[in-house]
Amino acid sequence: MSDLAVDKALIDQSVDGNAIYTKDDEKSVDLSLARLLLSVILHPSSVTEGGYSLSIGQRDDFLNFRKLLLKKWGAPDTADLGNNDKIGTASPW
């Protein structure tokens, strides 16, 4: 995940990534994390290129943690992922 993606998620929730964390930041940081988790969930689960391989496991754990964060703050889950076990395995185009 790029620094730009992290910065955008923080900025969208009005969080200063360089500030010292306080309890008042909890909701904004949690919702930023939920957005970042969605980004991880939607990326391919494994990539192989030039002899190197990268795999992201526990996709269901990420999804469940994201749901817990959203529920904690009463935020709607606007990403309807359904029961698609193939998320990130094929190009949508």
C-alpha atoms as a PDB file:
ATOM      1  CA  MET A   1       0.000   0.000   0.000  1.00  0.00           C
ATOM      2  CA  SER A   2       1.410   3.360  -0.942  1.00  0.00           C
ATOM      3  CA  ASP A   3       2.088   6.221   1.438  1.00  0.00           C
ATOM      4  CA  LEU A   4      -0.319   8.256  -0.682  1.00  0.00           C
ATOM      5  CA  ALA A   5      -3.157   5.793   0.008  1.00  0.00           C
ATOM      6  CA  VAL A   6      -2.486   5.971   3.745  1.00  0.00           C
ATOM      7  CA  ASP A   7      -2.278   9.771   3.656  1.00  0.00           C
ATOM      8  CA  LYS A   8      -5.556   9.986   1.729  1.00  0.00           C
ATOM      9  CA  ALA A   9      -7.364   7.697   4.172  1.00  0.00           C
ATOM     10  CA  LEU A  10      -6.153   9.842   7.076  1.00  0.00           C
ATOM     11  CA  ILE A  11      -6.948  13.156   5.377  1.00  0.00           C
ATOM     12  CA  ASP A  12     -10.440  11.950   4.433  1.00  0.00           C
ATOM     13  CA  GLN A  13     -11.094  11.436   8.166  1.00  0.00           C
ATOM     14  CA  SER A  14      -9.414  14.749   9.139  1.00  0.00           C
ATOM     15  CA  VAL A  15      -6.495  12.994  10.837  1.00  0.00           C
ATOM     16  CA  ASP A  16      -3.029  14.562  10.891  1.00  0.00           C
ATOM     17  CA  GLY A  17      -0.667  11.648  10.378  1.00  0.00           C
ATOM     18  CA  ASN A  18       2.171  13.583  12.021  1.00  0.00           C
ATOM     19  CA  ALA A  19       0.251  14.503  15.177  1.00  0.00           C
ATOM     20  CA  ILE A  20       0.449  12.674  18.488  1.00  0.00           C
ATOM     21  CA  TYR A  21      -2.460  10.254  18.872  1.00  0.00           C
ATOM     22  CA  THR A  22      -5.032  11.135  21.518  1.00  0.00           C
ATOM     23  CA  LYS A  23      -8.239   9.422  22.623  1.00  0.00           C
ATOM     24  CA  ASP A  24     -10.154  12.119  20.699  1.00  0.00           C
ATOM     25  CA  ASP A  25      -8.657  10.696  17.487  1.00  0.00           C
ATOM     26  CA  GLU A  26      -9.928   7.162  18.094  1.00  0.00           C
ATOM     27  CA  LYS A  27     -12.989   7.284  15.841  1.00  0.00           C
ATOM     28  CA  SER A  28     -11.215   8.990  12.950  1.00  0.00           C
ATOM     29  CA  VAL A  29      -8.248   6.625  13.146  1.00  0.00           C
ATOM     30  CA  ASP A  30     -10.520   3.564  13.350  1.00  0.00           C
ATOM     31  CA  LEU A  31     -12.503   4.693  10.299  1.00  0.00           C
ATOM     32  CA  SER A  32      -9.275   5.418   8.421  1.00  0.00           C
ATOM     33  CA  LEU A  33      -8.103   1.906   9.250  1.00  0.00           C
ATOM     34  CA  ALA A  34     -11.417   0.471   8.027  1.00  0.00           C
ATOM     35  CA  ARG A  35     -10.886   2.246   4.698  1.00  0.00           C
ATOM     36  CA  LEU A  36      -7.323   0.935   4.437  1.00  0.00           C
ATOM     37  CA  LEU A  37      -8.437  -2.602   5.272  1.00  0.00           C
ATOM     38  CA  LEU A  38     -10.948  -2.431   2.418  1.00  0.00           C
ATOM     39  CA  SER A  39      -8.129  -1.447   0.096  1.00  0.00           C
ATOM     40  CA  VAL A  40      -6.092  -4.471   1.231  1.00  0.00           C
ATOM     41  CA  ILE A  41      -9.106  -6.779   0.873  1.00  0.00           C
ATOM     42  CA  LEU A  42      -9.772  -5.623  -2.692  1.00  0.00           C
ATOM     43  CA  HIS A  43      -6.195  -6.128  -3.897  1.00  0.00           C
ATOM     44  CA  PRO A  44      -5.140  -9.466  -5.387  1.00  0.00           C
ATOM     45  CA  SER A  45      -4.492 -12.100  -2.742  1.00  0.00           C
ATOM     46  CA  SER A  46      -1.218 -13.130  -4.369  1.00  0.00           C
ATOM     47  CA  VAL A  47       1.156 -11.671  -6.917  1.00  0.00           C
ATOM     48  CA  THR A  48       4.068 -13.370  -8.646  1.00  0.00           C
ATOM     49  CA  GLU A  49       6.492 -11.419 -10.766  1.00  0.00           C
ATOM     50  CA  GLY A  50      10.099 -11.920 -11.770  1.00  0.00           C
ATOM     51  CA  GLY A  51      10.589 -14.935  -9.536  1.00  0.00           C
ATOM     52  CA  TYR A  52       9.190 -13.205  -6.445  1.00  0.00           C
ATOM     53  CA  SER A  53       5.884 -14.009  -4.834  1.00  0.00           C
ATOM     54  CA  LEU A  54       3.774 -12.082  -2.326  1.00  0.00           C
ATOM     55  CA  SER A  55       0.689 -13.508  -0.645  1.00  0.00           C
ATOM     56  CA  ILE A  56      -1.877 -11.820   1.590  1.00  0.00           C
ATOM     57  CA  GLY A  57      -3.726 -14.346   3.707  1.00  0.00           C
ATOM     58  CA  GLN A  58      -6.439 -13.998   6.300  1.00  0.00           C
ATOM     59  CA  ARG A  59      -8.646 -11.923   4.010  1.00  0.00           C
ATOM     60  CA  ASP A  60     -11.703 -12.976   6.043  1.00  0.00           C
ATOM     61  CA  ASP A  61      -9.981 -11.810   9.229  1.00  0.00           C
ATOM     62  CA  PHE A  62      -9.332  -8.391   7.676  1.00  0.00           C
ATOM     63  CA  LEU A  63     -12.943  -8.202   6.534  1.00  0.00           C
ATOM     64  CA  ASN A  64     -14.293  -9.177   9.962  1.00  0.00           C
ATOM     65  CA  PHE A  65     -12.037  -6.683  11.728  1.00  0.00           C
ATOM     66  CA  ARG A  66     -13.210  -3.966   9.319  1.00  0.00           C
ATOM     67  CA  LYS A  67     -16.839  -4.824  10.054  1.00  0.00           C
ATOM     68  CA  LEU A  68     -16.157  -4.612  13.802  1.00  0.00           C
ATOM     69  CA  LEU A  69     -14.603  -1.159  13.427  1.00  0.00           C
ATOM     70  CA  LEU A  70     -17.546   0.109  11.391  1.00  0.00           C
ATOM     71  CA  LYS A  71     -20.072  -1.388  13.809  1.00  0.00           C
ATOM     72  CA  LYS A  72     -18.229   0.117  16.788  1.00  0.00           C
ATOM     73  CA  TRP A  73     -18.874   3.609  15.405  1.00  0.00           C
ATOM     74  CA  GLY A  74     -22.251   2.954  13.787  1.00  0.00           C
ATOM     75  CA  ALA A  75     -20.776   3.619  10.361  1.00  0.00           C
ATOM     76  CA  PRO A  76     -22.437   2.037   7.342  1.00  0.00           C
ATOM     77  CA  ASP A  77     -20.583  -0.636   5.401  1.00  0.00           C
ATOM     78  CA  THR A  78     -20.844   0.832   1.924  1.00  0.00           C
ATOM     79  CA  ALA A  79     -18.772  -1.940   0.341  1.00  0.00           C
ATOM     80  CA  ASP A  80     -21.097  -4.815  -0.486  1.00  0.00           C
ATOM     81  CA  LEU A  81     -18.589  -7.617  -0.926  1.00  0.00           C
ATOM     82  CA  GLY A  82     -21.126 -10.386  -0.495  1.00  0.00           C
ATOM     83  CA  ASN A  83     -19.707 -13.897  -0.325  1.00  0.00           C
ATOM     84  CA  ASN A  84     -17.376 -13.497  -3.261  1.00  0.00           C
ATOM     85  CA  ASP A  85     -14.445 -15.837  -2.633  1.00  0.00           C
ATOM     86  CA  LYS A  86     -12.822 -14.594  -5.822  1.00  0.00           C
ATOM     87  CA  ILE A  87     -12.276 -10.975  -4.756  1.00  0.00           C
ATOM     88  CA  GLY A  88      -9.092  -9.718  -6.305  1.00  0.00           C
ATOM     89  CA  THR A  89      -8.421 -12.814  -8.398  1.00  0.00           C
ATOM     90  CA  ALA A  90      -9.590 -11.502 -11.759  1.00  0.00           C
ATOM     91  CA  SER A  91      -9.612  -8.212 -13.577  1.00  0.00           C
ATOM     92  CA  PRO A  92     -13.045  -6.533 -13.650  1.00  0.00           C
ATOM     93  CA  TRP A  93     -12.396  -5.491 -17.265  1.00  0.00           C
END
